[in-house]
Protein backbone atom coordinates (compact mmCIF):
# COMPACT_ATOMS: atom_id res chain seq x y z
CA MET A 1 -30.07 -7.04 -30.32
CA LYS A 2 -32.00 -4.58 -28.16
CA LYS A 3 -30.11 -2.30 -25.77
CA ALA A 4 -31.55 -4.01 -22.66
CA GLU A 5 -30.54 -7.43 -24.01
CA ALA A 6 -27.04 -6.18 -24.82
CA THR A 7 -26.70 -4.68 -21.32
CA ARG A 8 -27.80 -7.94 -19.70
CA LEU A 9 -25.36 -9.96 -21.80
CA ASN A 10 -22.55 -7.51 -21.04
CA ILE A 11 -23.23 -7.86 -17.29
CA LEU A 12 -23.18 -11.67 -17.59
CA HIS A 13 -19.93 -11.79 -19.56
CA LYS A 14 -18.07 -9.32 -17.34
CA ALA A 15 -19.44 -10.93 -14.15
CA PHE A 16 -18.41 -14.37 -15.42
CA GLU A 17 -14.83 -13.17 -16.04
CA LEU A 18 -14.69 -11.66 -12.56
CA ILE A 19 -16.18 -14.75 -10.87
CA TYR A 20 -13.96 -17.12 -12.87
CA GLU A 21 -10.91 -15.22 -11.62
CA LYS A 22 -11.95 -14.43 -8.02
CA GLY A 23 -14.61 -17.03 -7.16
CA TYR A 24 -18.34 -16.65 -6.73
CA GLN A 25 -18.46 -16.16 -2.97
CA THR A 26 -15.79 -13.45 -2.93
CA THR A 27 -17.26 -11.46 -5.83
CA SER A 28 -19.83 -8.92 -4.65
CA VAL A 29 -22.59 -7.20 -6.59
CA ASP A 30 -20.63 -3.98 -6.07
CA ASP A 31 -17.58 -5.61 -7.74
CA ILE A 32 -19.75 -6.60 -10.68
CA ILE A 33 -21.30 -3.14 -10.95
CA ALA A 34 -17.84 -1.51 -10.87
CA THR A 35 -16.55 -3.86 -13.58
CA THR A 36 -19.58 -3.56 -15.86
CA GLN A 37 -20.02 0.17 -15.18
CA VAL A 38 -23.79 -0.14 -14.94
CA THR A 39 -25.84 1.40 -12.16
CA LYS A 40 -27.14 -0.64 -9.27
CA GLY A 41 -30.63 0.01 -10.64
CA ALA A 42 -29.64 -1.41 -14.03
CA PHE A 43 -28.17 -4.51 -12.37
CA TYR A 44 -31.34 -5.15 -10.36
CA TYR A 45 -33.50 -4.41 -13.40
CA HIS A 46 -31.95 -7.47 -15.08
CA PHE A 47 -31.37 -9.72 -12.03
CA LYS A 48 -33.35 -10.09 -8.80
CA SER A 49 -30.19 -10.99 -6.89
CA LYS A 50 -26.57 -12.07 -7.24
CA ASP A 51 -27.74 -15.71 -7.24
CA ASP A 52 -30.22 -14.97 -10.03
CA MET A 53 -27.31 -13.56 -12.05
CA GLY A 54 -25.11 -16.58 -11.14
CA LEU A 55 -27.75 -18.97 -12.45
CA ALA A 56 -28.05 -16.88 -15.62
CA ILE A 57 -24.26 -17.17 -16.11
CA ILE A 58 -24.53 -20.96 -15.95
CA ASN A 59 -27.59 -21.13 -18.23
CA ASP A 60 -26.66 -18.44 -20.75
CA ILE A 61 -22.87 -18.64 -20.90
CA LEU A 62 -21.58 -21.93 -19.47
CA LYS A 63 -24.20 -24.30 -20.91
CA PRO A 64 -23.82 -23.20 -24.56
CA THR A 65 -20.03 -23.02 -24.21
CA PHE A 66 -19.87 -26.48 -22.63
CA THR A 67 -22.15 -27.96 -25.29
CA ASN A 68 -19.85 -26.60 -28.00
CA SER A 69 -16.57 -27.41 -26.21
CA PHE A 70 -17.31 -30.59 -24.22
CA VAL A 71 -20.19 -32.37 -25.97
CA LYS A 72 -20.13 -31.73 -29.71
CA PRO A 73 -16.43 -32.63 -30.16
CA LEU A 74 -17.14 -36.10 -28.75
CA GLN A 75 -19.46 -36.78 -31.67
CA LYS A 76 -16.99 -35.85 -34.43
CA GLU A 77 -14.74 -38.89 -34.85
CA LYS A 78 -15.64 -42.41 -35.82
CA ASN A 79 -13.53 -43.99 -33.06
CA PRO A 80 -14.86 -42.89 -29.64
CA LEU A 81 -11.52 -43.54 -27.94
CA ASP A 82 -9.88 -41.06 -30.32
CA SER A 83 -12.76 -38.62 -29.70
CA ILE A 84 -12.31 -38.80 -25.92
CA TYR A 85 -8.55 -38.32 -26.05
CA THR A 86 -8.75 -35.49 -28.60
CA LEU A 87 -11.44 -33.77 -26.53
CA MET A 88 -9.39 -33.94 -23.32
CA TYR A 89 -6.23 -32.82 -25.07
CA ASN A 90 -7.98 -29.84 -26.64
CA LEU A 91 -9.79 -28.87 -23.43
CA LEU A 92 -6.55 -28.90 -21.47
CA MET A 93 -4.01 -27.67 -23.98
CA ASN A 94 -5.82 -25.62 -26.63
CA ASN A 95 -9.11 -24.23 -25.31
CA GLU A 96 -8.90 -20.44 -24.95
CA PHE A 97 -12.06 -20.12 -22.85
CA LEU A 98 -10.65 -22.33 -20.06
CA LYS A 99 -7.73 -20.72 -18.24
CA VAL A 100 -5.14 -22.91 -16.53
CA GLU A 101 -4.78 -20.52 -13.57
CA PHE A 102 -8.54 -20.47 -12.84
CA GLY A 103 -9.41 -24.16 -13.40
CA CYS A 104 -12.74 -25.38 -14.75
CA PRO A 105 -15.60 -22.89 -14.23
CA ALA A 106 -18.23 -25.63 -13.87
CA SER A 107 -16.08 -27.39 -11.28
CA ASN A 108 -15.46 -24.11 -9.46
CA PHE A 109 -19.18 -23.34 -9.27
CA THR A 110 -19.89 -26.92 -8.17
CA GLN A 111 -17.37 -26.78 -5.33
CA GLU A 112 -18.44 -23.31 -4.20
CA MET A 113 -22.20 -23.39 -4.54
CA THR A 114 -23.82 -26.83 -4.62
CA PRO A 115 -23.47 -27.58 -0.91
CA TRP A 116 -25.58 -24.50 -0.09
CA HIS A 117 -27.81 -23.77 -3.04
CA ALA A 118 -30.26 -26.28 -4.56
CA ASN A 119 -30.86 -24.21 -7.70
CA PHE A 120 -27.13 -24.13 -8.49
CA SER A 121 -26.98 -27.90 -7.90
CA LYS A 122 -29.83 -28.44 -10.36
CA VAL A 123 -28.42 -26.38 -13.25
CA LEU A 124 -24.86 -27.66 -12.75
CA ASP A 125 -26.18 -31.21 -12.63
CA GLU A 126 -27.97 -30.62 -15.95
CA LEU A 127 -24.78 -29.23 -17.48
CA THR A 128 -22.66 -32.15 -16.24
CA ASN A 129 -25.25 -34.78 -17.18
CA GLU A 130 -25.24 -33.66 -20.79
CA TRP A 131 -21.51 -34.44 -20.89
CA ILE A 132 -21.91 -37.74 -19.00
CA GLU A 133 -24.76 -38.96 -21.20
CA THR A 134 -22.93 -38.06 -24.40
CA MET A 135 -19.75 -39.83 -23.33
CA ILE A 136 -21.68 -42.93 -22.22
CA ALA A 137 -23.54 -42.96 -25.56
CA ILE A 138 -20.38 -42.77 -27.66
CA ILE A 139 -18.73 -45.52 -25.58
CA GLU A 140 -21.79 -47.74 -26.07
CA LYS A 141 -21.70 -46.97 -29.79
CA GLY A 142 -17.99 -47.85 -29.78
CA LYS A 143 -18.78 -51.21 -28.22
CA LYS A 144 -21.30 -51.96 -31.00
CA SER A 145 -18.87 -50.92 -33.73
CA GLU A 146 -16.08 -52.95 -32.02
CA PHE A 147 -13.75 -50.04 -31.27
CA ILE A 148 -14.28 -50.82 -27.57
CA ASN A 149 -14.39 -54.16 -25.76
CA LYS A 150 -17.98 -55.26 -25.13
CA SER A 151 -17.24 -55.93 -21.43
CA VAL A 152 -16.47 -52.26 -20.75
CA ASN A 153 -18.86 -50.49 -18.39
CA ALA A 154 -19.54 -47.19 -20.17
CA LYS A 155 -20.73 -45.30 -17.09
CA GLN A 156 -17.74 -46.35 -14.97
CA VAL A 157 -15.32 -45.34 -17.73
CA THR A 158 -17.07 -42.00 -18.15
CA MET A 159 -17.02 -41.18 -14.45
CA PHE A 160 -13.35 -42.21 -14.18
CA ILE A 161 -12.29 -40.03 -17.14
CA MET A 162 -14.34 -37.03 -16.01
CA SER A 163 -13.07 -37.29 -12.43
CA GLY A 164 -9.53 -37.29 -13.75
CA TYR A 165 -10.28 -34.23 -15.87
CA TRP A 166 -11.71 -32.23 -12.96
CA GLY A 167 -8.84 -33.32 -10.73
CA ILE A 168 -6.08 -32.44 -13.19
CA ARG A 169 -7.67 -29.02 -13.71
CA ASN A 170 -6.99 -28.39 -10.00
CA PHE A 171 -3.34 -29.44 -10.36
CA GLY A 172 -3.03 -27.05 -13.29
CA LYS A 173 -4.55 -24.31 -11.15
CA LEU A 174 -2.04 -25.00 -8.36
CA GLU A 175 0.96 -24.99 -10.66
CA ASN A 176 -0.45 -22.31 -13.01
CA ASN A 177 1.11 -24.28 -15.84
CA LYS A 178 -0.30 -26.52 -18.57
CA ASN A 179 2.64 -28.89 -18.10
CA ALA A 180 0.73 -30.19 -15.07
CA TYR A 181 -1.75 -31.71 -17.54
CA LEU A 182 0.79 -33.80 -19.45
CA PRO A 183 1.02 -36.82 -17.06
CA TYR A 184 -2.81 -37.08 -17.08
CA LEU A 185 -2.95 -36.99 -20.89
CA LYS A 186 -0.20 -39.60 -21.19
CA GLU A 187 -1.89 -41.95 -18.74
CA LEU A 188 -5.32 -41.28 -20.28
CA LYS A 189 -3.98 -42.50 -23.63
CA ASN A 190 -2.62 -45.66 -21.93
CA TYR A 191 -5.95 -46.22 -20.17
CA LEU A 192 -8.02 -45.75 -23.32
CA ASN A 193 -5.85 -48.34 -25.08
CA THR A 194 -6.87 -50.93 -22.45
CA LEU A 195 -10.52 -50.48 -23.45
CA LYS A 196 -10.02 -51.88 -26.97
């Protein structure tokens, strides 16, 4: 990796950590420069603006991480209901990238930025849609292979499960404790059993 590439990646990783902890709006370019220990000139060499860097964080850090953590695990097990539960359990209880005290980074960016910034809306929508489309596809596949009742509406189920996930992340953030996730996981298992 070239030095310029390594510097850019270092800025993105350090800025992501800072933004994940403090929030996008309250993190300044000066905060990022102080954390990464690059010059202002080096920052602006790599990014036209803070928003340019924010979009790069989503595209270069969040998207690949979410594909590996949210999408690929759904495709591992034969029974999609098991895949969904295992995914949610691992995201909430075992994933080291996602911190209970800071919530879900995609959700945080969505709440902070999409009302004011069309480009953030677009890239976050792409990120979320990959997860939605994958979950819908495995539910439809589960209907064909008779793991799931044929009357189930795959999109409605997907939106319900994902909404619960984003919501419970906020409860975890409030309580700063993974125990906040346990009632959601218990009820998710009950709900998934009704889809058989």
